[in-house]
C-alpha cells in the first residue's frame, strides 16, 4: 500500500530492500509481502524503516507531506538544528548571503578556517 514511498527512499539512498532488510533486521519476506500488497508491516517495523532512512513514520506511510531529510555523501541523514535552519532562511532572503554561499562552495577547508579567523578578529572575539 505505502510501498511506493519505500521504493522511492531506496532509490534516493542508493540501496535496495535486501540491504534495508539486513540493516533493520526485518525479514525480506515481510518486505516482499508488503510489495505484493498482501501484508503491511506492523508499526514497529515501519518505524525501523523510517529511522533507517531518517524520515518520519508519517512520511513513510504517506500521511505526512514532509520531504525526507538531506543526506551526506555516505547516505547518512543530515539533521539541521535551529541555527542551521535560520541560516538557510537568510541565504534565501538576503542576496549578499547567497553570494557568500556561492563563493564559499569552491573554498577549501583551509580557506574557510582563514575566513573564520578574519571574522573573529573583526568581531574582537580573541
N, C-alpha and C. Protein backbone atom coordinates (compact mmCIF):
# COMPACT_ATOMS: atom_id res chain seq x y z
N UNK A 1 0.82 -1.20 0.00
CA UNK A 1 0.00 0.00 0.00
C UNK A 1 0.87 1.26 0.00
N UNK A 2 1.79 1.38 0.96
CA UNK A 2 2.68 2.54 1.03
C UNK A 2 4.07 2.17 0.52
N UNK A 3 4.15 1.08 -0.16
CA UNK A 3 5.43 0.56 -0.62
C UNK A 3 6.12 1.53 -1.58
N UNK A 4 5.35 2.33 -2.30
CA UNK A 4 5.94 3.27 -3.26
C UNK A 4 6.90 4.24 -2.57
N UNK A 5 6.52 4.73 -1.40
CA UNK A 5 7.41 5.63 -0.66
C UNK A 5 8.69 4.91 -0.26
N UNK A 6 8.55 3.66 0.14
CA UNK A 6 9.72 2.85 0.49
C UNK A 6 10.65 2.72 -0.72
N UNK A 7 10.08 2.42 -1.89
CA UNK A 7 10.90 2.28 -3.10
C UNK A 7 11.60 3.59 -3.46
N UNK A 8 10.89 4.69 -3.31
CA UNK A 8 11.47 6.00 -3.60
C UNK A 8 12.65 6.27 -2.66
N UNK A 9 12.47 5.96 -1.38
CA UNK A 9 13.55 6.16 -0.43
C UNK A 9 14.75 5.26 -0.74
N UNK A 10 14.48 4.04 -1.15
CA UNK A 10 15.58 3.14 -1.54
C UNK A 10 16.37 3.74 -2.70
N UNK A 11 15.68 4.27 -3.68
CA UNK A 11 16.37 4.87 -4.84
C UNK A 11 17.19 6.08 -4.40
N UNK A 12 16.60 6.93 -3.58
CA UNK A 12 17.32 8.13 -3.11
C UNK A 12 18.57 7.79 -2.33
N UNK A 13 18.53 6.68 -1.61
CA UNK A 13 19.65 6.29 -0.75
C UNK A 13 20.55 5.25 -1.41
N UNK A 14 20.31 4.99 -2.69
CA UNK A 14 21.14 4.03 -3.42
C UNK A 14 21.20 2.68 -2.71
N UNK A 15 20.07 2.18 -2.32
CA UNK A 15 20.00 0.91 -1.60
C UNK A 15 18.88 0.07 -2.19
N UNK A 16 18.70 -1.12 -1.67
CA UNK A 16 17.62 -1.98 -2.13
C UNK A 16 16.98 -2.66 -0.92
N UNK A 17 15.82 -3.31 -1.12
CA UNK A 17 15.12 -3.93 0.01
C UNK A 17 15.96 -4.96 0.77
N UNK A 18 16.80 -5.70 0.08
CA UNK A 18 17.64 -6.69 0.77
C UNK A 18 18.61 -6.02 1.74
N UNK A 19 19.19 -4.91 1.30
CA UNK A 19 20.11 -4.18 2.18
C UNK A 19 19.37 -3.56 3.36
N UNK A 20 18.18 -3.05 3.11
CA UNK A 20 17.37 -2.49 4.19
C UNK A 20 17.00 -3.60 5.18
N UNK A 21 16.68 -4.77 4.65
CA UNK A 21 16.35 -5.92 5.49
C UNK A 21 17.51 -6.25 6.42
N UNK A 22 18.70 -6.33 5.87
CA UNK A 22 19.89 -6.64 6.70
C UNK A 22 20.15 -5.56 7.74
N UNK A 23 19.99 -4.30 7.33
CA UNK A 23 20.29 -3.19 8.24
C UNK A 23 19.26 -3.06 9.36
N UNK A 24 18.02 -3.42 9.09
CA UNK A 24 16.95 -3.21 10.08
C UNK A 24 16.55 -4.50 10.81
N UNK A 25 16.95 -5.65 10.27
CA UNK A 25 16.54 -6.92 10.86
C UNK A 25 15.13 -7.35 10.48
N UNK A 26 14.54 -6.65 9.52
CA UNK A 26 13.20 -7.00 9.04
C UNK A 26 13.36 -8.03 7.93
N UNK A 27 12.71 -9.17 8.03
CA UNK A 27 12.88 -10.21 7.01
C UNK A 27 12.50 -9.71 5.61
N UNK A 28 13.25 -10.18 4.61
CA UNK A 28 12.93 -9.79 3.23
C UNK A 28 11.54 -10.29 2.84
N UNK A 29 11.12 -11.39 3.44
CA UNK A 29 9.78 -11.91 3.13
C UNK A 29 8.70 -10.91 3.55
N UNK A 30 8.93 -10.19 4.62
CA UNK A 30 7.98 -9.16 5.06
C UNK A 30 7.91 -8.04 4.03
N UNK A 31 9.09 -7.63 3.54
CA UNK A 31 9.13 -6.55 2.55
C UNK A 31 8.51 -7.01 1.22
N UNK A 32 8.74 -8.27 0.86
CA UNK A 32 8.16 -8.81 -0.37
C UNK A 32 6.64 -8.86 -0.28
N UNK A 33 6.12 -9.33 0.87
CA UNK A 33 4.67 -9.39 1.07
C UNK A 33 4.08 -7.98 1.05
N UNK A 34 4.82 -7.03 1.59
CA UNK A 34 4.38 -5.64 1.59
C UNK A 34 4.30 -5.14 0.15
N UNK A 35 5.31 -5.46 -0.65
CA UNK A 35 5.31 -5.03 -2.05
C UNK A 35 4.11 -5.60 -2.80
N UNK A 36 3.78 -6.86 -2.53
CA UNK A 36 2.66 -7.52 -3.20
C UNK A 36 1.30 -7.01 -2.72
N UNK A 37 1.32 -6.30 -1.60
CA UNK A 37 0.07 -5.78 -1.06
C UNK A 37 -0.69 -6.77 -0.21
N UNK A 38 -0.06 -7.91 0.09
CA UNK A 38 -0.73 -8.93 0.89
C UNK A 38 -0.51 -8.73 2.39
N UNK A 39 0.38 -7.79 2.75
CA UNK A 39 0.71 -7.59 4.16
C UNK A 39 1.26 -6.19 4.32
N UNK A 40 0.90 -5.55 5.41
CA UNK A 40 1.51 -4.27 5.77
C UNK A 40 2.29 -4.50 7.06
N UNK A 41 3.58 -4.16 7.06
CA UNK A 41 4.37 -4.36 8.28
C UNK A 41 3.75 -3.63 9.46
N UNK A 42 3.96 -4.20 10.62
CA UNK A 42 3.47 -3.57 11.86
C UNK A 42 4.22 -2.26 12.10
N UNK A 43 3.63 -1.43 12.93
CA UNK A 43 4.15 -0.09 13.19
C UNK A 43 5.61 -0.10 13.63
N UNK A 44 5.99 -1.05 14.48
CA UNK A 44 7.38 -1.06 14.96
C UNK A 44 8.36 -1.31 13.81
N UNK A 45 7.98 -2.16 12.87
CA UNK A 45 8.85 -2.42 11.71
C UNK A 45 8.87 -1.22 10.77
N UNK A 46 7.73 -0.60 10.57
CA UNK A 46 7.68 0.60 9.74
C UNK A 46 8.54 1.71 10.36
N UNK A 47 8.51 1.81 11.68
CA UNK A 47 9.33 2.83 12.36
C UNK A 47 10.82 2.54 12.16
N UNK A 48 11.21 1.27 12.19
CA UNK A 48 12.61 0.91 11.94
C UNK A 48 13.03 1.34 10.54
N UNK A 49 12.14 1.14 9.58
CA UNK A 49 12.43 1.54 8.19
C UNK A 49 12.54 3.06 8.10
N UNK A 50 11.60 3.77 8.72
CA UNK A 50 11.63 5.23 8.72
C UNK A 50 12.92 5.74 9.37
N UNK A 51 13.29 5.15 10.50
CA UNK A 51 14.52 5.55 11.18
C UNK A 51 15.74 5.28 10.31
N UNK A 52 15.72 4.16 9.62
CA UNK A 52 16.83 3.80 8.74
C UNK A 52 17.05 4.88 7.68
N UNK A 53 15.97 5.42 7.14
CA UNK A 53 16.08 6.43 6.09
C UNK A 53 16.10 7.86 6.63
N UNK A 54 15.90 8.03 7.93
CA UNK A 54 15.91 9.37 8.51
C UNK A 54 14.69 10.19 8.17
N UNK A 55 13.54 9.52 8.03
CA UNK A 55 12.28 10.21 7.76
C UNK A 55 11.29 9.87 8.86
N UNK A 56 10.19 10.59 8.89
CA UNK A 56 9.15 10.30 9.88
C UNK A 56 8.34 9.09 9.42
N UNK A 57 7.70 8.45 10.37
CA UNK A 57 6.80 7.35 10.05
C UNK A 57 5.68 7.84 9.15
N UNK A 58 5.17 9.03 9.44
CA UNK A 58 4.10 9.61 8.62
C UNK A 58 4.50 9.79 7.17
N UNK A 59 5.73 10.21 6.94
CA UNK A 59 6.20 10.36 5.56
C UNK A 59 6.26 8.99 4.88
N UNK A 60 6.79 8.01 5.59
CA UNK A 60 6.92 6.67 5.00
C UNK A 60 5.57 6.10 4.59
N UNK A 61 4.56 6.26 5.44
CA UNK A 61 3.26 5.65 5.13
C UNK A 61 2.33 6.59 4.36
N UNK A 62 2.81 7.80 4.08
CA UNK A 62 2.05 8.68 3.21
C UNK A 62 1.04 9.59 3.89
N UNK A 63 1.10 9.71 5.21
CA UNK A 63 0.16 10.60 5.89
C UNK A 63 0.72 11.99 6.11
N UNK A 64 2.03 12.18 5.87
CA UNK A 64 2.68 13.49 6.00
C UNK A 64 3.37 13.82 4.70
N UNK A 65 3.38 15.08 4.39
CA UNK A 65 3.96 15.54 3.13
C UNK A 65 5.41 15.97 3.28
N UNK A 66 6.00 15.83 4.45
CA UNK A 66 7.36 16.32 4.65
C UNK A 66 8.33 15.63 3.70
N UNK A 67 9.32 16.38 3.32
CA UNK A 67 10.37 15.81 2.47
C UNK A 67 11.34 15.05 3.37
N UNK A 68 11.97 14.03 2.82
CA UNK A 68 12.98 13.34 3.63
C UNK A 68 14.13 14.28 3.94
N UNK A 69 14.81 14.00 5.01
CA UNK A 69 15.97 14.80 5.39
C UNK A 69 17.05 14.71 4.32
N UNK A 70 17.89 15.72 4.29
CA UNK A 70 19.04 15.68 3.40
C UNK A 70 19.98 14.57 3.86
N UNK A 71 20.79 14.10 2.93
CA UNK A 71 21.75 13.04 3.28
C UNK A 71 23.15 13.49 2.90
N UNK A 72 24.14 12.96 3.62
CA UNK A 72 25.52 13.28 3.31
C UNK A 72 26.06 12.30 2.28
N UNK A 73 27.35 12.38 1.99
CA UNK A 73 27.95 11.54 0.94
C UNK A 73 27.87 10.05 1.25
N UNK A 74 27.79 9.71 2.54
CA UNK A 74 27.69 8.31 2.93
C UNK A 74 26.24 7.87 3.12
N UNK A 75 25.29 8.67 2.65
CA UNK A 75 23.85 8.41 2.75
C UNK A 75 23.33 8.40 4.18
N UNK A 76 24.02 9.12 5.06
CA UNK A 76 23.53 9.28 6.43
C UNK A 76 22.64 10.52 6.47
N UNK A 77 21.55 10.47 7.23
CA UNK A 77 20.69 11.65 7.28
C UNK A 77 21.38 12.84 7.93
N UNK A 78 21.09 14.03 7.42
CA UNK A 78 21.61 15.26 7.98
C UNK A 78 20.47 15.94 8.73
N UNK A 79 20.67 16.14 10.01
CA UNK A 79 19.65 16.77 10.83
C UNK A 79 20.07 18.21 11.07
N UNK A 80 19.20 19.15 10.74
CA UNK A 80 19.51 20.56 10.89
C UNK A 80 18.94 21.11 12.19
N UNK A 81 19.78 21.83 12.94
CA UNK A 81 19.30 22.45 14.16
C UNK A 81 18.70 23.83 13.83
N UNK A 82 18.19 24.51 14.85
CA UNK A 82 17.53 25.80 14.64
C UNK A 82 18.46 26.84 14.03
N UNK A 83 19.75 26.84 14.45
CA UNK A 83 20.71 27.80 13.91
C UNK A 83 20.93 27.57 12.41
N UNK A 84 21.04 26.31 12.01
CA UNK A 84 21.24 26.00 10.59
C UNK A 84 20.01 26.38 9.77
N UNK A 85 18.83 26.13 10.32
CA UNK A 85 17.60 26.50 9.61
C UNK A 85 17.49 28.01 9.45
N UNK A 86 17.89 28.75 10.50
CA UNK A 86 17.87 30.21 10.43
C UNK A 86 18.85 30.71 9.37
N UNK A 87 20.02 30.09 9.29
CA UNK A 87 21.00 30.47 8.28
C UNK A 87 20.47 30.19 6.87
N UNK A 88 19.80 29.07 6.70
CA UNK A 88 19.22 28.76 5.40
C UNK A 88 18.18 29.80 4.98
N UNK A 89 17.38 30.25 5.93
CA UNK A 89 16.40 31.29 5.63
C UNK A 89 17.09 32.57 5.18
N UNK A 90 18.19 32.93 5.87
CA UNK A 90 18.94 34.12 5.49
C UNK A 90 19.52 33.97 4.09
N UNK A 91 20.00 32.77 3.77
CA UNK A 91 20.55 32.53 2.44
C UNK A 91 19.49 32.76 1.36
N UNK A 92 18.26 32.40 1.67
CA UNK A 92 17.17 32.58 0.71
C UNK A 92 16.78 34.05 0.56
N UNK A 93 16.80 34.79 1.68
CA UNK A 93 16.23 36.13 1.69
C UNK A 93 17.22 37.25 1.38
N UNK A 94 18.49 37.04 1.68
CA UNK A 94 19.46 38.13 1.53
C UNK A 94 20.43 37.84 0.39
N UNK A 95 20.45 38.70 -0.64
CA UNK A 95 21.32 38.46 -1.80
C UNK A 95 22.80 38.34 -1.44
N UNK A 96 23.26 39.16 -0.48
CA UNK A 96 24.68 39.11 -0.11
C UNK A 96 25.04 37.77 0.54
N UNK A 97 24.08 37.17 1.23
CA UNK A 97 24.32 35.84 1.82
C UNK A 97 24.39 34.78 0.72
N UNK A 98 23.55 34.89 -0.29
CA UNK A 98 23.59 33.94 -1.42
C UNK A 98 24.95 34.02 -2.11
N UNK A 99 25.44 35.25 -2.29
CA UNK A 99 26.74 35.44 -2.93
C UNK A 99 27.84 34.80 -2.09
N UNK A 100 27.81 35.04 -0.79
CA UNK A 100 28.80 34.46 0.11
C UNK A 100 28.76 32.93 0.03
N UNK A 101 27.58 32.38 0.02
CA UNK A 101 27.42 30.93 -0.05
C UNK A 101 27.95 30.38 -1.37
N UNK A 102 27.61 31.02 -2.48
CA UNK A 102 28.04 30.51 -3.79
C UNK A 102 29.55 30.59 -3.94
N UNK A 103 30.17 31.63 -3.40
CA UNK A 103 31.62 31.76 -3.46
C UNK A 103 32.28 30.71 -2.56
N UNK A 104 31.69 30.45 -1.42
CA UNK A 104 32.31 29.53 -0.46
C UNK A 104 32.24 28.07 -0.91
N UNK A 105 31.39 27.75 -1.87
CA UNK A 105 31.32 26.37 -2.36
C UNK A 105 32.65 25.88 -2.90
N UNK A 106 33.39 26.78 -3.50
CA UNK A 106 34.68 26.42 -4.10
C UNK A 106 35.84 26.53 -3.11
N UNK A 107 35.56 27.03 -1.94
CA UNK A 107 36.61 27.24 -0.95
C UNK A 107 37.05 25.91 -0.35
N UNK A 108 38.33 25.84 -0.03
CA UNK A 108 38.85 24.65 0.67
C UNK A 108 38.58 24.81 2.15
N UNK A 109 38.79 23.75 2.89
CA UNK A 109 38.62 23.80 4.34
C UNK A 109 39.54 24.85 4.94
N UNK A 110 40.76 24.93 4.43
CA UNK A 110 41.73 25.91 4.93
C UNK A 110 41.25 27.33 4.66
N UNK A 111 40.68 27.56 3.46
CA UNK A 111 40.14 28.88 3.13
C UNK A 111 39.05 29.28 4.11
N UNK A 112 38.19 28.35 4.43
CA UNK A 112 37.08 28.62 5.35
C UNK A 112 37.62 28.93 6.74
N UNK A 113 38.60 28.15 7.19
CA UNK A 113 39.18 28.40 8.52
C UNK A 113 39.84 29.77 8.58
N UNK A 114 40.53 30.17 7.51
CA UNK A 114 41.13 31.51 7.45
C UNK A 114 40.05 32.58 7.53
N UNK A 115 38.95 32.38 6.78
CA UNK A 115 37.86 33.36 6.79
C UNK A 115 37.25 33.48 8.18
N UNK A 116 37.10 32.36 8.85
CA UNK A 116 36.55 32.38 10.22
C UNK A 116 37.47 33.18 11.13
N UNK A 117 38.78 32.99 11.02
CA UNK A 117 39.73 33.74 11.85
C UNK A 117 39.63 35.24 11.58
N UNK A 118 39.50 35.60 10.30
CA UNK A 118 39.37 37.01 9.94
C UNK A 118 38.09 37.59 10.56
N UNK A 119 36.99 36.86 10.45
CA UNK A 119 35.72 37.34 11.00
C UNK A 119 35.80 37.46 12.51
N UNK A 120 36.41 36.48 13.16
CA UNK A 120 36.58 36.55 14.62
C UNK A 120 37.41 37.76 15.02
N UNK A 121 38.46 38.05 14.23
CA UNK A 121 39.31 39.20 14.52
C UNK A 121 38.52 40.51 14.35
N UNK A 122 37.68 40.56 13.33
CA UNK A 122 36.85 41.75 13.11
C UNK A 122 35.84 41.95 14.25
N UNK A 123 35.35 40.85 14.76
CA UNK A 123 34.36 40.92 15.85
C UNK A 123 35.04 41.18 17.19
N UNK A 124 36.33 40.91 17.28
CA UNK A 124 37.04 41.09 18.54
C UNK A 124 36.83 39.93 19.49
N UNK A 125 36.63 38.72 18.95
CA UNK A 125 36.39 37.55 19.80
C UNK A 125 37.65 36.91 20.34
N UNK A 126 38.82 37.49 20.07
CA UNK A 126 40.08 36.87 20.54
C UNK A 126 40.23 36.94 22.01
